[in-house]
Amino acid sequence: MFLPLQNPAFFRNVSVEPGGHAVSWNSEIDISEYELWKNGEEMP
């Protein structure tokens, strides 16, 4: 499901869901704020 995110042009086409509780690329690919908090890595 997340394979399209390897394409840099597709990856850059991200948006924040209303309310700020997730990021999404289309109706099939999204990541919740909880998932980002739990498994994300801090970027410099």
PDB file of N, CA and C in Angstrom:
ATOM      1  N   MET A   1       0.813  -1.193   0.000  1.00  0.00           N
ATOM      2  CA  MET A   1       0.000   0.000   0.000  1.00  0.00           C
ATOM      3  C   MET A   1       0.861   1.262   0.000  1.00  0.00           C
ATOM      4  N   PHE A   2       1.986   1.258   0.731  1.00  0.00           N
ATOM      5  CA  PHE A   2       2.826   2.446   0.830  1.00  0.00           C
ATOM      6  C   PHE A   2       3.900   2.529  -0.261  1.00  0.00           C
ATOM      7  N   LEU A   3       3.944   1.582  -1.151  1.00  0.00           N
ATOM      8  CA  LEU A   3       4.943   1.564  -2.221  1.00  0.00           C
ATOM      9  C   LEU A   3       4.957   2.860  -3.039  1.00  0.00           C
ATOM     10  N   PRO A   4       3.813   3.460  -3.379  1.00  0.00           N
ATOM     11  CA  PRO A   4       3.855   4.717  -4.148  1.00  0.00           C
ATOM     12  C   PRO A   4       4.611   5.847  -3.462  1.00  0.00           C
ATOM     13  N   LEU A   5       4.767   5.768  -2.126  1.00  0.00           N
ATOM     14  CA  LEU A   5       5.479   6.829  -1.412  1.00  0.00           C
ATOM     15  C   LEU A   5       6.967   6.855  -1.730  1.00  0.00           C
ATOM     16  N   GLN A   6       7.482   5.807  -2.373  1.00  0.00           N
ATOM     17  CA  GLN A   6       8.885   5.791  -2.792  1.00  0.00           C
ATOM     18  C   GLN A   6       9.129   6.722  -3.969  1.00  0.00           C
ATOM     19  N   ASN A   7       8.077   7.118  -4.664  1.00  0.00           N
ATOM     20  CA  ASN A   7       8.182   8.061  -5.772  1.00  0.00           C
ATOM     21  C   ASN A   7       8.228   9.475  -5.178  1.00  0.00           C
ATOM     22  N   PRO A   8       9.355  10.202  -5.355  1.00  0.00           N
ATOM     23  CA  PRO A   8       9.483  11.527  -4.731  1.00  0.00           C
ATOM     24  C   PRO A   8       8.370  12.501  -5.116  1.00  0.00           C
ATOM     25  N   ALA A   9       7.932  12.489  -6.358  1.00  0.00           N
ATOM     26  CA  ALA A   9       6.868  13.406  -6.785  1.00  0.00           C
ATOM     27  C   ALA A   9       5.561  13.072  -6.068  1.00  0.00           C
ATOM     28  N   PHE A  10       5.256  11.802  -5.928  1.00  0.00           N
ATOM     29  CA  PHE A  10       4.040  11.392  -5.224  1.00  0.00           C
ATOM     30  C   PHE A  10       4.153  11.738  -3.744  1.00  0.00           C
ATOM     31  N   PHE A  11       5.313  11.468  -3.154  1.00  0.00           N
ATOM     32  CA  PHE A  11       5.521  11.730  -1.724  1.00  0.00           C
ATOM     33  C   PHE A  11       5.316  13.207  -1.399  1.00  0.00           C
ATOM     34  N   ARG A  12       5.781  14.088  -2.258  1.00  0.00           N
ATOM     35  CA  ARG A  12       5.647  15.534  -2.029  1.00  0.00           C
ATOM     36  C   ARG A  12       4.203  16.010  -2.116  1.00  0.00           C
ATOM     37  N   ASN A  13       3.320  15.194  -2.648  1.00  0.00           N
ATOM     38  CA  ASN A  13       1.918  15.569  -2.813  1.00  0.00           C
ATOM     39  C   ASN A  13       1.105  15.230  -1.548  1.00  0.00           C
ATOM     40  N   VAL A  14       1.667  15.460  -0.390  1.00  0.00           N
ATOM     41  CA  VAL A  14       1.042  15.149   0.897  1.00  0.00           C
ATOM     42  C   VAL A  14       0.160  16.311   1.346  1.00  0.00           C
ATOM     43  N   SER A  15      -0.849  16.008   2.147  1.00  0.00           N
ATOM     44  CA  SER A  15      -1.664  17.057   2.757  1.00  0.00           C
ATOM     45  C   SER A  15      -2.013  16.648   4.178  1.00  0.00           C
ATOM     46  N   VAL A  16      -2.334  17.647   4.990  1.00  0.00           N
ATOM     47  CA  VAL A  16      -2.741  17.404   6.368  1.00  0.00           C
ATOM     48  C   VAL A  16      -4.256  17.275   6.381  1.00  0.00           C
ATOM     49  N   GLU A  17      -4.745  16.244   7.059  1.00  0.00           N
ATOM     50  CA  GLU A  17      -6.188  16.027   7.157  1.00  0.00           C
ATOM     51  C   GLU A  17      -6.829  17.143   7.974  1.00  0.00           C
ATOM     52  N   PRO A  18      -8.096  17.459   7.699  1.00  0.00           N
ATOM     53  CA  PRO A  18      -8.797  18.464   8.514  1.00  0.00           C
ATOM     54  C   PRO A  18      -8.709  18.103   9.998  1.00  0.00           C
ATOM     55  N   GLY A  19      -8.413  19.075  10.812  1.00  0.00           N
ATOM     56  CA  GLY A  19      -8.238  18.845  12.245  1.00  0.00           C
ATOM     57  C   GLY A  19      -6.813  18.510  12.614  1.00  0.00           C
ATOM     58  N   GLY A  20      -5.966  18.228  11.617  1.00  0.00           N
ATOM     59  CA  GLY A  20      -4.554  17.973  11.863  1.00  0.00           C
ATOM     60  C   GLY A  20      -4.248  16.637  12.498  1.00  0.00           C
ATOM     61  N   HIS A  21      -5.125  15.651  12.341  1.00  0.00           N
ATOM     62  CA  HIS A  21      -4.932  14.368  13.012  1.00  0.00           C
ATOM     63  C   HIS A  21      -4.289  13.301  12.140  1.00  0.00           C
ATOM     64  N   ALA A  22      -3.901  13.653  10.917  1.00  0.00           N
ATOM     65  CA  ALA A  22      -3.262  12.681  10.017  1.00  0.00           C
ATOM     66  C   ALA A  22      -2.677  13.427   8.825  1.00  0.00           C
ATOM     67  N   VAL A  23      -1.767  12.760   8.140  1.00  0.00           N
ATOM     68  CA  VAL A  23      -1.298  13.232   6.843  1.00  0.00           C
ATOM     69  C   VAL A  23      -1.760  12.206   5.820  1.00  0.00           C
ATOM     70  N   SER A  24      -2.073  12.679   4.613  1.00  0.00           N
ATOM     71  CA  SER A  24      -2.564  11.745   3.602  1.00  0.00           C
ATOM     72  C   SER A  24      -2.056  12.132   2.226  1.00  0.00           C
ATOM     73  N   TRP A  25      -2.022  11.136   1.366  1.00  0.00           N
ATOM     74  CA  TRP A  25      -1.603  11.324  -0.012  1.00  0.00           C
ATOM     75  C   TRP A  25      -2.772  11.119  -0.961  1.00  0.00           C
ATOM     76  N   ASN A  26      -3.674  10.241  -0.625  1.00  0.00           N
ATOM     77  CA  ASN A  26      -4.904  10.026  -1.383  1.00  0.00           C
ATOM     78  C   ASN A  26      -5.894   9.318  -0.465  1.00  0.00           C
ATOM     79  N   SER A  27      -6.988   8.846  -1.008  1.00  0.00           N
ATOM     80  CA  SER A  27      -8.011   8.223  -0.157  1.00  0.00           C
ATOM     81  C   SER A  27      -7.586   6.866   0.391  1.00  0.00           C
ATOM     82  N   GLU A  28      -6.487   6.313  -0.114  1.00  0.00           N
ATOM     83  CA  GLU A  28      -6.040   4.994   0.328  1.00  0.00           C
ATOM     84  C   GLU A  28      -4.795   5.029   1.205  1.00  0.00           C
ATOM     85  N   ILE A  29      -4.020   6.111   1.153  1.00  0.00           N
ATOM     86  CA  ILE A  29      -2.758   6.179   1.890  1.00  0.00           C
ATOM     87  C   ILE A  29      -2.800   7.352   2.861  1.00  0.00           C
ATOM     88  N   ASP A  30      -2.792   7.035   4.142  1.00  0.00           N
ATOM     89  CA  ASP A  30      -2.703   8.071   5.165  1.00  0.00           C
ATOM     90  C   ASP A  30      -1.993   7.507   6.391  1.00  0.00           C
ATOM     91  N   ILE A  31      -1.482   8.415   7.217  1.00  0.00           N
ATOM     92  CA  ILE A  31      -0.792   8.032   8.449  1.00  0.00           C
ATOM     93  C   ILE A  31      -1.351   8.907   9.565  1.00  0.00           C
ATOM     94  N   SER A  32      -1.827   8.281  10.623  1.00  0.00           N
ATOM     95  CA  SER A  32      -2.422   9.024  11.730  1.00  0.00           C
ATOM     96  C   SER A  32      -1.362   9.726  12.566  1.00  0.00           C
ATOM     97  N   GLU A  33      -1.799  10.727  13.297  1.00  0.00           N
ATOM     98  CA  GLU A  33      -0.886  11.446  14.186  1.00  0.00           C
ATOM     99  C   GLU A  33      -0.325  10.513  15.243  1.00  0.00           C
ATOM    100  N   TYR A  34      -1.100   9.546  15.693  1.00  0.00           N
ATOM    101  CA  TYR A  34      -0.621   8.594  16.693  1.00  0.00           C
ATOM    102  C   TYR A  34       0.521   7.750  16.118  1.00  0.00           C
ATOM    103  N   GLU A  35       0.344   7.299  14.894  1.00  0.00           N
ATOM    104  CA  GLU A  35       1.382   6.487  14.244  1.00  0.00           C
ATOM    105  C   GLU A  35       2.667   7.302  14.074  1.00  0.00           C
ATOM    106  N   LEU A  36       2.545   8.554  13.682  1.00  0.00           N
ATOM    107  CA  LEU A  36       3.721   9.416  13.540  1.00  0.00           C
ATOM    108  C   LEU A  36       4.397   9.641  14.890  1.00  0.00           C
ATOM    109  N   TRP A  37       3.592   9.880  15.919  1.00  0.00           N
ATOM    110  CA  TRP A  37       4.149  10.108  17.264  1.00  0.00           C
ATOM    111  C   TRP A  37       4.861   8.864  17.776  1.00  0.00           C
ATOM    112  N   LYS A  38       4.238   7.699  17.600  1.00  0.00           N
ATOM    113  CA  LYS A  38       4.747   6.451  18.146  1.00  0.00           C
ATOM    114  C   LYS A  38       5.976   5.952  17.389  1.00  0.00           C
ATOM    115  N   ASN A  39       5.986   6.079  16.045  1.00  0.00           N
ATOM    116  CA  ASN A  39       7.022   5.459  15.227  1.00  0.00           C
ATOM    117  C   ASN A  39       7.882   6.432  14.428  1.00  0.00           C
ATOM    118  N   GLY A  40       7.567   7.723  14.516  1.00  0.00           N
ATOM    119  CA  GLY A  40       8.332   8.706  13.751  1.00  0.00           C
ATOM    120  C   GLY A  40       9.704   8.956  14.343  1.00  0.00           C
ATOM    121  N   GLU A  41      10.544   9.580  13.549  1.00  0.00           N
ATOM    122  CA  GLU A  41      11.889   9.949  13.979  1.00  0.00           C
ATOM    123  C   GLU A  41      12.051  11.449  13.856  1.00  0.00           C
ATOM    124  N   GLU A  42      12.694  12.047  14.842  1.00  0.00           N
ATOM    125  CA  GLU A  42      12.928  13.481  14.812  1.00  0.00           C
ATOM    126  C   GLU A  42      13.900  13.819  13.687  1.00  0.00           C
ATOM    127  N   MET A  43      13.583  14.856  12.946  1.00  0.00           N
ATOM    128  CA  MET A  43      14.425  15.308  11.841  1.00  0.00           C
ATOM    129  C   MET A  43      15.109  16.617  12.253  1.00  0.00           C
ATOM    130  N   PRO A  44      16.354  16.778  11.858  1.00  0.00           N
ATOM    131  CA  PRO A  44      17.043  18.042  12.205  1.00  0.00           C
ATOM    132  C   PRO A  44      16.471  19.234  11.465  1.00  0.00           C
TER     133      PRO A  44
END
